[in-house]
Amino acid sequence: MENKMDNTSIYTEEQIALFSAQAELNAYKGKRQQEYPPITDYIDGVVKGDQSQIDAYIAACQSRKSKISKTLKELKNGTSKFMDMDNQLNATMA
């Protein structure tokens, strides 16, 4: 069975831009989440009453936070841009 495709897209440019922005934001969130130690390390320290383990978890989180390449301002700008695009897309689909 032959697969024939034409040059028309089922998505508008706005939708494609929104999907792209959403993928970028999800990739950033995933990367950022992987940078942090598992929360179970902290909970384990609390349950055991091990303050040094709790302090090590907090120090690891603070260290990762300083290494993340995107600044808070960039993230807010990206999120704002994403929300604007989402609102525009919803308005066009209504």
Foldseek 3Di string as FASTA:
>chain_A
DDDDDDPDDPDDPLVVVLVVLVVVLVVLVVVLVVQADDCVQLVVCVVVVPVVSNVVNVVSNVVSVVVRDDDPVNVVVSVVVSVVSVVVVVVVVD
